[in-house]
Amino acid sequence: MATFFQAWRKRQSEQQAAEWSKERDRARQAVDDVPAAIRLDVRRVMEALIEGPDEEVEGALDELWQLLEPHPDLRAKFFRLRVVDDAVEFLK
């Protein structure tokens, strides 16, 4: 029984890792749609959300919100990303 459970847990872990990798890629690709004038800042903020320490999450979300404020369509797109949604849930 323990062997089955270990195999199941390993498979679940691998699936979760694959999903997270896909979500990170999706978030990084979204940066390509941002105007060139703010692209580097948005990329930096997204990397902070993806790879940064927990204490940077709130500041990164605030900065992302400010950077995308003049672009409501992009703001909506970014705030539908799972990476951003997970960050928001983390802060709650």
PDB file of N, CA and C in Angstrom:
ATOM      1  N   MET A   1       0.820  -1.201   0.000  1.00  0.00           N
ATOM      2  CA  MET A   1       0.000   0.000   0.000  1.00  0.00           C
ATOM      3  C   MET A   1       0.861   1.262   0.000  1.00  0.00           C
ATOM      4  N   ALA A   2       1.927   1.253   0.774  1.00  0.00           N
ATOM      5  CA  ALA A   2       2.790   2.427   0.835  1.00  0.00           C
ATOM      6  C   ALA A   2       3.418   2.709  -0.526  1.00  0.00           C
ATOM      7  N   THR A   3       3.725   1.686  -1.273  1.00  0.00           N
ATOM      8  CA  THR A   3       4.326   1.862  -2.591  1.00  0.00           C
ATOM      9  C   THR A   3       3.356   2.560  -3.542  1.00  0.00           C
ATOM     10  N   PHE A   4       2.079   2.144  -3.507  1.00  0.00           N
ATOM     11  CA  PHE A   4       1.075   2.792  -4.343  1.00  0.00           C
ATOM     12  C   PHE A   4       0.949   4.264  -3.965  1.00  0.00           C
ATOM     13  N   PHE A   5       0.873   4.544  -2.675  1.00  0.00           N
ATOM     14  CA  PHE A   5       0.729   5.923  -2.219  1.00  0.00           C
ATOM     15  C   PHE A   5       1.928   6.762  -2.632  1.00  0.00           C
ATOM     16  N   GLN A   6       3.119   6.219  -2.506  1.00  0.00           N
ATOM     17  CA  GLN A   6       4.319   6.954  -2.903  1.00  0.00           C
ATOM     18  C   GLN A   6       4.313   7.237  -4.402  1.00  0.00           C
ATOM     19  N   ALA A   7       3.901   6.262  -5.192  1.00  0.00           N
ATOM     20  CA  ALA A   7       3.831   6.460  -6.646  1.00  0.00           C
ATOM     21  C   ALA A   7       2.789   7.514  -6.988  1.00  0.00           C
ATOM     22  N   TRP A   8       1.651   7.463  -6.305  1.00  0.00           N
ATOM     23  CA  TRP A   8       0.588   8.440  -6.541  1.00  0.00           C
ATOM     24  C   TRP A   8       1.059   9.840  -6.181  1.00  0.00           C
ATOM     25  N   ARG A   9       1.711   9.983  -5.027  1.00  0.00           N
ATOM     26  CA  ARG A   9       2.215  11.293  -4.589  1.00  0.00           C
ATOM     27  C   ARG A   9       3.272  11.819  -5.561  1.00  0.00           C
ATOM     28  N   LYS A  10       4.130  10.936  -6.060  1.00  0.00           N
ATOM     29  CA  LYS A  10       5.146  11.350  -7.004  1.00  0.00           C
ATOM     30  C   LYS A  10       4.498  11.856  -8.286  1.00  0.00           C
ATOM     31  N   ARG A  11       3.494  11.144  -8.762  1.00  0.00           N
ATOM     32  CA  ARG A  11       2.798  11.566  -9.984  1.00  0.00           C
ATOM     33  C   ARG A  11       2.108  12.912  -9.778  1.00  0.00           C
ATOM     34  N   GLN A  12       1.444  13.080  -8.650  1.00  0.00           N
ATOM     35  CA  GLN A  12       0.788  14.353  -8.341  1.00  0.00           C
ATOM     36  C   GLN A  12       1.804  15.489  -8.307  1.00  0.00           C
ATOM     37  N   SER A  13       2.936  15.234  -7.695  1.00  0.00           N
ATOM     38  CA  SER A  13       3.984  16.248  -7.599  1.00  0.00           C
ATOM     39  C   SER A  13       4.514  16.626  -8.979  1.00  0.00           C
ATOM     40  N   GLU A  14       4.714  15.637  -9.832  1.00  0.00           N
ATOM     41  CA  GLU A  14       5.196  15.895 -11.192  1.00  0.00           C
ATOM     42  C   GLU A  14       4.172  16.686 -11.997  1.00  0.00           C
ATOM     43  N   GLN A  15       2.893  16.358 -11.842  1.00  0.00           N
ATOM     44  CA  GLN A  15       1.844  17.097 -12.545  1.00  0.00           C
ATOM     45  C   GLN A  15       1.784  18.542 -12.080  1.00  0.00           C
ATOM     46  N   GLN A  16       1.890  18.736 -10.777  1.00  0.00           N
ATOM     47  CA  GLN A  16       1.878  20.096 -10.235  1.00  0.00           C
ATOM     48  C   GLN A  16       3.057  20.902 -10.750  1.00  0.00           C
ATOM     49  N   ALA A  17       4.217  20.289 -10.788  1.00  0.00           N
ATOM     50  CA  ALA A  17       5.410  20.975 -11.283  1.00  0.00           C
ATOM     51  C   ALA A  17       5.246  21.351 -12.758  1.00  0.00           C
ATOM     52  N   ALA A  18       4.676  20.464 -13.550  1.00  0.00           N
ATOM     53  CA  ALA A  18       4.460  20.743 -14.972  1.00  0.00           C
ATOM     54  C   ALA A  18       3.463  21.883 -15.153  1.00  0.00           C
ATOM     55  N   GLU A  19       2.389  21.875 -14.359  1.00  0.00           N
ATOM     56  CA  GLU A  19       1.395  22.951 -14.436  1.00  0.00           C
ATOM     57  C   GLU A  19       2.020  24.283 -14.044  1.00  0.00           C
ATOM     58  N   TRP A  20       2.790  24.293 -12.982  1.00  0.00           N
ATOM     59  CA  TRP A  20       3.422  25.533 -12.532  1.00  0.00           C
ATOM     60  C   TRP A  20       4.395  26.044 -13.583  1.00  0.00           C
ATOM     61  N   SER A  21       5.140  25.146 -14.195  1.00  0.00           N
ATOM     62  CA  SER A  21       6.071  25.545 -15.247  1.00  0.00           C
ATOM     63  C   SER A  21       5.322  26.187 -16.419  1.00  0.00           C
ATOM     64  N   LYS A  22       4.195  25.606 -16.794  1.00  0.00           N
ATOM     65  CA  LYS A  22       3.392  26.148 -17.887  1.00  0.00           C
ATOM     66  C   LYS A  22       2.845  27.531 -17.520  1.00  0.00           C
ATOM     67  N   GLU A  23       2.409  27.694 -16.282  1.00  0.00           N
ATOM     68  CA  GLU A  23       1.888  28.986 -15.829  1.00  0.00           C
ATOM     69  C   GLU A  23       2.987  30.051 -15.789  1.00  0.00           C
ATOM     70  N   ARG A  24       4.174  29.656 -15.376  1.00  0.00           N
ATOM     71  CA  ARG A  24       5.299  30.606 -15.378  1.00  0.00           C
ATOM     72  C   ARG A  24       5.615  31.046 -16.800  1.00  0.00           C
ATOM     73  N   ASP A  25       5.612  30.088 -17.728  1.00  0.00           N
ATOM     74  CA  ASP A  25       5.866  30.423 -19.132  1.00  0.00           C
ATOM     75  C   ASP A  25       4.796  31.362 -19.670  1.00  0.00           C
ATOM     76  N   ARG A  26       3.542  31.103 -19.330  1.00  0.00           N
ATOM     77  CA  ARG A  26       2.441  31.952 -19.778  1.00  0.00           C
ATOM     78  C   ARG A  26       2.615  33.380 -19.237  1.00  0.00           C
ATOM     79  N   ALA A  27       3.015  33.497 -17.988  1.00  0.00           N
ATOM     80  CA  ALA A  27       3.217  34.821 -17.389  1.00  0.00           C
ATOM     81  C   ALA A  27       4.376  35.551 -18.062  1.00  0.00           C
ATOM     82  N   ARG A  28       5.436  34.833 -18.338  1.00  0.00           N
ATOM     83  CA  ARG A  28       6.581  35.460 -18.999  1.00  0.00           C
ATOM     84  C   ARG A  28       6.237  35.867 -20.429  1.00  0.00           C
ATOM     85  N   GLN A  29       5.428  35.086 -21.118  1.00  0.00           N
ATOM     86  CA  GLN A  29       5.018  35.432 -22.481  1.00  0.00           C
ATOM     87  C   GLN A  29       4.100  36.648 -22.492  1.00  0.00           C
ATOM     88  N   ALA A  30       3.299  36.815 -21.458  1.00  0.00           N
ATOM     89  CA  ALA A  30       2.395  37.965 -21.385  1.00  0.00           C
ATOM     90  C   ALA A  30       3.169  39.278 -21.385  1.00  0.00           C
ATOM     91  N   VAL A  31       4.369  39.243 -20.854  1.00  0.00           N
ATOM     92  CA  VAL A  31       5.203  40.453 -20.807  1.00  0.00           C
ATOM     93  C   VAL A  31       5.507  40.952 -22.215  1.00  0.00           C
ATOM     94  N   ASP A  32       5.575  40.053 -23.184  1.00  0.00           N
ATOM     95  CA  ASP A  32       5.876  40.449 -24.560  1.00  0.00           C
ATOM     96  C   ASP A  32       4.802  41.356 -25.155  1.00  0.00           C
ATOM     97  N   ASP A  33       3.589  41.328 -24.626  1.00  0.00           N
ATOM     98  CA  ASP A  33       2.491  42.157 -25.129  1.00  0.00           C
ATOM     99  C   ASP A  33       2.455  43.558 -24.529  1.00  0.00           C
ATOM    100  N   VAL A  34       3.344  43.815 -23.606  1.00  0.00           N
ATOM    101  CA  VAL A  34       3.380  45.106 -22.907  1.00  0.00           C
ATOM    102  C   VAL A  34       4.141  46.121 -23.761  1.00  0.00           C
ATOM    103  N   PRO A  35       3.704  47.377 -23.761  1.00  0.00           N
ATOM    104  CA  PRO A  35       4.439  48.409 -24.515  1.00  0.00           C
ATOM    105  C   PRO A  35       5.914  48.447 -24.107  1.00  0.00           C
ATOM    106  N   ALA A  36       6.757  48.692 -25.076  1.00  0.00           N
ATOM    107  CA  ALA A  36       8.203  48.682 -24.855  1.00  0.00           C
ATOM    108  C   ALA A  36       8.640  49.618 -23.728  1.00  0.00           C
ATOM    109  N   ALA A  37       7.943  50.722 -23.565  1.00  0.00           N
ATOM    110  CA  ALA A  37       8.328  51.718 -22.551  1.00  0.00           C
ATOM    111  C   ALA A  37       8.286  51.169 -21.129  1.00  0.00           C
ATOM    112  N   ILE A  38       7.435  50.180 -20.862  1.00  0.00           N
ATOM    113  CA  ILE A  38       7.320  49.636 -19.506  1.00  0.00           C
ATOM    114  C   ILE A  38       7.676  48.152 -19.442  1.00  0.00           C
ATOM    115  N   ARG A  39       8.057  47.571 -20.561  1.00  0.00           N
ATOM    116  CA  ARG A  39       8.281  46.119 -20.627  1.00  0.00           C
ATOM    117  C   ARG A  39       9.337  45.640 -19.633  1.00  0.00           C
ATOM    118  N   LEU A  40      10.457  46.336 -19.532  1.00  0.00           N
ATOM    119  CA  LEU A  40      11.510  45.894 -18.608  1.00  0.00           C
ATOM    120  C   LEU A  40      11.037  45.926 -17.156  1.00  0.00           C
ATOM    121  N   ASP A  41      10.288  46.962 -16.806  1.00  0.00           N
ATOM    122  CA  ASP A  41       9.766  47.049 -15.435  1.00  0.00           C
ATOM    123  C   ASP A  41       8.747  45.946 -15.168  1.00  0.00           C
ATOM    124  N   VAL A  42       7.869  45.695 -16.127  1.00  0.00           N
ATOM    125  CA  VAL A  42       6.870  44.636 -15.950  1.00  0.00           C
ATOM    126  C   VAL A  42       7.568  43.284 -15.864  1.00  0.00           C
ATOM    127  N   ARG A  43       8.580  43.073 -16.674  1.00  0.00           N
ATOM    128  CA  ARG A  43       9.336  41.806 -16.629  1.00  0.00           C
ATOM    129  C   ARG A  43       9.977  41.610 -15.251  1.00  0.00           C
ATOM    130  N   ARG A  44      10.578  42.680 -14.730  1.00  0.00           N
ATOM    131  CA  ARG A  44      11.218  42.602 -13.410  1.00  0.00           C
ATOM    132  C   ARG A  44      10.198  42.260 -12.328  1.00  0.00           C
ATOM    133  N   VAL A  45       9.038  42.912 -12.397  1.00  0.00           N
ATOM    134  CA  VAL A  45       7.986  42.675 -11.403  1.00  0.00           C
ATOM    135  C   VAL A  45       7.454  41.238 -11.512  1.00  0.00           C
ATOM    136  N   MET A  46       7.253  40.772 -12.729  1.00  0.00           N
ATOM    137  CA  MET A  46       6.757  39.404 -12.907  1.00  0.00           C
ATOM    138  C   MET A  46       7.773  38.389 -12.399  1.00  0.00           C
ATOM    139  N   GLU A  47       9.035  38.645 -12.644  1.00  0.00           N
ATOM    140  CA  GLU A  47      10.073  37.737 -12.134  1.00  0.00           C
ATOM    141  C   GLU A  47      10.070  37.728 -10.604  1.00  0.00           C
ATOM    142  N   ALA A  48       9.806  38.878  -9.999  1.00  0.00           N
ATOM    143  CA  ALA A  48       9.708  38.928  -8.538  1.00  0.00           C
ATOM    144  C   ALA A  48       8.540  38.074  -8.058  1.00  0.00           C
ATOM    145  N   LEU A  49       7.434  38.099  -8.782  1.00  0.00           N
ATOM    146  CA  LEU A  49       6.285  37.277  -8.402  1.00  0.00           C
ATOM    147  C   LEU A  49       6.562  35.789  -8.621  1.00  0.00           C
ATOM    148  N   ILE A  50       7.275  35.475  -9.665  1.00  0.00           N
ATOM    149  CA  ILE A  50       7.537  34.076 -10.002  1.00  0.00           C
ATOM    150  C   ILE A  50       8.644  33.482  -9.134  1.00  0.00           C
ATOM    151  N   GLU A  51       9.730  34.199  -9.003  1.00  0.00           N
ATOM    152  CA  GLU A  51      10.928  33.636  -8.376  1.00  0.00           C
ATOM    153  C   GLU A  51      11.349  34.333  -7.078  1.00  0.00           C
ATOM    154  N   GLY A  52      10.757  35.482  -6.794  1.00  0.00           N
ATOM    155  CA  GLY A  52      11.222  36.276  -5.659  1.00  0.00           C
ATOM    156  C   GLY A  52      10.770  35.745  -4.311  1.00  0.00           C
ATOM    157  N   PRO A  53      11.330  36.307  -3.261  1.00  0.00           N
ATOM    158  CA  PRO A  53      10.942  35.914  -1.909  1.00  0.00           C
ATOM    159  C   PRO A  53       9.544  36.433  -1.554  1.00  0.00           C
ATOM    160  N   ASP A  54       8.938  35.796  -0.584  1.00  0.00           N
ATOM    161  CA  ASP A  54       7.574  36.145  -0.174  1.00  0.00           C
ATOM    162  C   ASP A  54       7.419  37.615   0.199  1.00  0.00           C
ATOM    163  N   GLU A  55       8.438  38.196   0.806  1.00  0.00           N
ATOM    164  CA  GLU A  55       8.310  39.583   1.257  1.00  0.00           C
ATOM    165  C   GLU A  55       8.263  40.583   0.106  1.00  0.00           C
ATOM    166  N   GLU A  56       8.540  40.153  -1.120  1.00  0.00           N
ATOM    167  CA  GLU A  56       8.475  41.044  -2.283  1.00  0.00           C
ATOM    168  C   GLU A  56       7.122  40.989  -3.003  1.00  0.00           C
ATOM    169  N   VAL A  57       6.266  40.059  -2.622  1.00  0.00           N
ATOM    170  CA  VAL A  57       5.016  39.840  -3.352  1.00  0.00           C
ATOM    171  C   VAL A  57       4.119  41.076  -3.327  1.00  0.00           C
ATOM    172  N   GLU A  58       3.888  41.638  -2.180  1.00  0.00           N
ATOM    173  CA  GLU A  58       2.977  42.778  -2.085  1.00  0.00           C
ATOM    174  C   GLU A  58       3.479  43.972  -2.895  1.00  0.00           C
ATOM    175  N   GLY A  59       4.744  44.295  -2.767  1.00  0.00           N
ATOM    176  CA  GLY A  59       5.308  45.407  -3.518  1.00  0.00           C
ATOM    177  C   GLY A  59       5.272  45.160  -5.018  1.00  0.00           C
ATOM    178  N   ALA A  60       5.533  43.926  -5.422  1.00  0.00           N
ATOM    179  CA  ALA A  60       5.505  43.586  -6.844  1.00  0.00           C
ATOM    180  C   ALA A  60       4.091  43.718  -7.410  1.00  0.00           C
ATOM    181  N   LEU A  61       3.098  43.260  -6.666  1.00  0.00           N
ATOM    182  CA  LEU A  61       1.712  43.412  -7.127  1.00  0.00           C
ATOM    183  C   LEU A  61       1.318  44.878  -7.230  1.00  0.00           C
ATOM    184  N   ASP A  62       1.686  45.659  -6.232  1.00  0.00           N
ATOM    185  CA  ASP A  62       1.373  47.092  -6.265  1.00  0.00           C
ATOM    186  C   ASP A  62       2.028  47.776  -7.472  1.00  0.00           C
ATOM    187  N   GLU A  63       3.282  47.429  -7.711  1.00  0.00           N
ATOM    188  CA  GLU A  63       3.979  48.047  -8.840  1.00  0.00           C
ATOM    189  C   GLU A  63       3.371  47.598 -10.169  1.00  0.00           C
ATOM    190  N   LEU A  64       3.017  46.325 -10.275  1.00  0.00           N
ATOM    191  CA  LEU A  64       2.378  45.838 -11.496  1.00  0.00           C
ATOM    192  C   LEU A  64       1.075  46.582 -11.744  1.00  0.00           C
ATOM    193  N   TRP A  65       0.287  46.770 -10.719  1.00  0.00           N
ATOM    194  CA  TRP A  65      -0.984  47.495 -10.833  1.00  0.00           C
ATOM    195  C   TRP A  65      -0.739  48.913 -11.352  1.00  0.00           C
ATOM    196  N   GLN A  66       0.277  49.589 -10.795  1.00  0.00           N
ATOM    197  CA  GLN A  66       0.590  50.960 -11.213  1.00  0.00           C
ATOM    198  C   GLN A  66       1.109  51.017 -12.647  1.00  0.00           C
ATOM    199  N   LEU A  67       1.983  50.090 -13.001  1.00  0.00           N
ATOM    200  CA  LEU A  67       2.543  50.073 -14.352  1.00  0.00           C
ATOM    201  C   LEU A  67       1.476  49.859 -15.417  1.00  0.00           C
ATOM    202  N   LEU A  68       0.500  49.023 -15.094  1.00  0.00           N
ATOM    203  CA  LEU A  68      -0.527  48.677 -16.073  1.00  0.00           C
ATOM    204  C   LEU A  68      -1.776  49.552 -15.979  1.00  0.00           C
ATOM    205  N   GLU A  69      -1.793  50.489 -15.049  1.00  0.00           N
ATOM    206  CA  GLU A  69      -2.965  51.353 -14.864  1.00  0.00           C
ATOM    207  C   GLU A  69      -3.402  52.048 -16.155  1.00  0.00           C
ATOM    208  N   PRO A  70      -2.477  52.569 -16.961  1.00  0.00           N
ATOM    209  CA  PRO A  70      -2.908  53.226 -18.206  1.00  0.00           C
ATOM    210  C   PRO A  70      -3.347  52.252 -19.303  1.00  0.00           C
ATOM    211  N   HIS A  71      -3.254  50.962 -19.019  1.00  0.00           N
ATOM    212  CA  HIS A  71      -3.569  49.932 -20.019  1.00  0.00           C
ATOM    213  C   HIS A  71      -4.570  48.928 -19.439  1.00  0.00           C
ATOM    214  N   PRO A  72      -5.858  49.307 -19.361  1.00  0.00           N
ATOM    215  CA  PRO A  72      -6.846  48.446 -18.703  1.00  0.00           C
ATOM    216  C   PRO A  72      -6.962  47.052 -19.325  1.00  0.00           C
ATOM    217  N   ASP A  73      -6.780  46.959 -20.636  1.00  0.00           N
ATOM    218  CA  ASP A  73      -6.866  45.647 -21.272  1.00  0.00           C
ATOM    219  C   ASP A  73      -5.723  44.738 -20.822  1.00  0.00           C
ATOM    220  N   LEU A  74      -4.526  45.290 -20.722  1.00  0.00           N
ATOM    221  CA  LEU A  74      -3.388  44.509 -20.237  1.00  0.00           C
ATOM    222  C   LEU A  74      -3.516  44.203 -18.749  1.00  0.00           C
ATOM    223  N   ARG A  75      -4.031  45.164 -18.018  1.00  0.00           N
ATOM    224  CA  ARG A  75      -4.222  44.943 -16.581  1.00  0.00           C
ATOM    225  C   ARG A  75      -5.144  43.753 -16.357  1.00  0.00           C
ATOM    226  N   ALA A  76      -6.232  43.714 -17.089  1.00  0.00           N
ATOM    227  CA  ALA A  76      -7.179  42.601 -16.962  1.00  0.00           C
ATOM    228  C   ALA A  76      -6.510  41.279 -17.347  1.00  0.00           C
ATOM    229  N   LYS A  77      -5.725  41.311 -18.408  1.00  0.00           N
ATOM    230  CA  LYS A  77      -5.029  40.095 -18.859  1.00  0.00           C
ATOM    231  C   LYS A  77      -4.071  39.590 -17.787  1.00  0.00           C
ATOM    232  N   PHE A  78      -3.292  40.491 -17.207  1.00  0.00           N
ATOM    233  CA  PHE A  78      -2.313  40.081 -16.202  1.00  0.00           C
ATOM    234  C   PHE A  78      -2.982  39.583 -14.923  1.00  0.00           C
ATOM    235  N   PHE A  79      -4.063  40.216 -14.544  1.00  0.00           N
ATOM    236  CA  PHE A  79      -4.694  39.801 -13.302  1.00  0.00           C
ATOM    237  C   PHE A  79      -5.536  38.544 -13.458  1.00  0.00           C
ATOM    238  N   ARG A  80      -5.591  38.003 -14.685  1.00  0.00           N
ATOM    239  CA  ARG A  80      -6.187  36.680 -14.901  1.00  0.00           C
ATOM    240  C   ARG A  80      -5.134  35.580 -14.878  1.00  0.00           C
ATOM    241  N   LEU A  81      -3.864  35.962 -14.897  1.00  0.00           N
ATOM    242  CA  LEU A  81      -2.793  34.976 -14.855  1.00  0.00           C
ATOM    243  C   LEU A  81      -2.766  34.285 -13.491  1.00  0.00           C
ATOM    244  N   ARG A  82      -2.526  32.999 -13.510  1.00  0.00           N
ATOM    245  CA  ARG A  82      -2.515  32.245 -12.254  1.00  0.00           C
ATOM    246  C   ARG A  82      -1.419  32.723 -11.313  1.00  0.00           C
ATOM    247  N   VAL A  83      -0.277  33.114 -11.867  1.00  0.00           N
ATOM    248  CA  VAL A  83       0.828  33.614 -11.041  1.00  0.00           C
ATOM    249  C   VAL A  83       0.362  34.822 -10.226  1.00  0.00           C
ATOM    250  N   VAL A  84      -0.327  35.733 -10.879  1.00  0.00           N
ATOM    251  CA  VAL A  84      -0.820  36.931 -10.197  1.00  0.00           C
ATOM    252  C   VAL A  84      -1.940  36.560  -9.233  1.00  0.00           C
ATOM    253  N   ASP A  85      -2.845  35.701  -9.675  1.00  0.00           N
ATOM    254  CA  ASP A  85      -3.938  35.265  -8.814  1.00  0.00           C
ATOM    255  C   ASP A  85      -3.410  34.572  -7.557  1.00  0.00           C
ATOM    256  N   ASP A  86      -2.412  33.721  -7.714  1.00  0.00           N
ATOM    257  CA  ASP A  86      -1.803  33.064  -6.549  1.00  0.00           C
ATOM    258  C   ASP A  86      -1.168  34.069  -5.612  1.00  0.00           C
ATOM    259  N   ALA A  87      -0.549  35.102  -6.171  1.00  0.00           N
ATOM    260  CA  ALA A  87       0.065  36.145  -5.339  1.00  0.00           C
ATOM    261  C   ALA A  87      -1.000  36.899  -4.547  1.00  0.00           C
ATOM    262  N   VAL A  88      -2.103  37.209  -5.187  1.00  0.00           N
ATOM    263  CA  VAL A  88      -3.207  37.892  -4.505  1.00  0.00           C
ATOM    264  C   VAL A  88      -3.746  37.017  -3.381  1.00  0.00           C
ATOM    265  N   GLU A  89      -3.947  35.747  -3.665  1.00  0.00           N
ATOM    266  CA  GLU A  89      -4.445  34.813  -2.640  1.00  0.00           C
ATOM    267  C   GLU A  89      -3.445  34.685  -1.494  1.00  0.00           C
ATOM    268  N   PHE A  90      -2.171  34.694  -1.807  1.00  0.00           N
ATOM    269  CA  PHE A  90      -1.129  34.613  -0.786  1.00  0.00           C
ATOM    270  C   PHE A  90      -1.239  35.781   0.194  1.00  0.00           C
ATOM    271  N   LEU A  91      -1.535  36.960  -0.332  1.00  0.00           N
ATOM    272  CA  LEU A  91      -1.617  38.151   0.520  1.00  0.00           C
ATOM    273  C   LEU A  91      -2.880  38.190   1.383  1.00  0.00           C
ATOM    274  N   LYS A  92      -3.891  37.449   0.965  1.00  0.00           N
ATOM    275  CA  LYS A  92      -5.132  37.427   1.767  1.00  0.00           C
ATOM    276  C   LYS A  92      -4.870  36.631   2.992  1.00  0.00           C
TER     277      LYS A  92
END
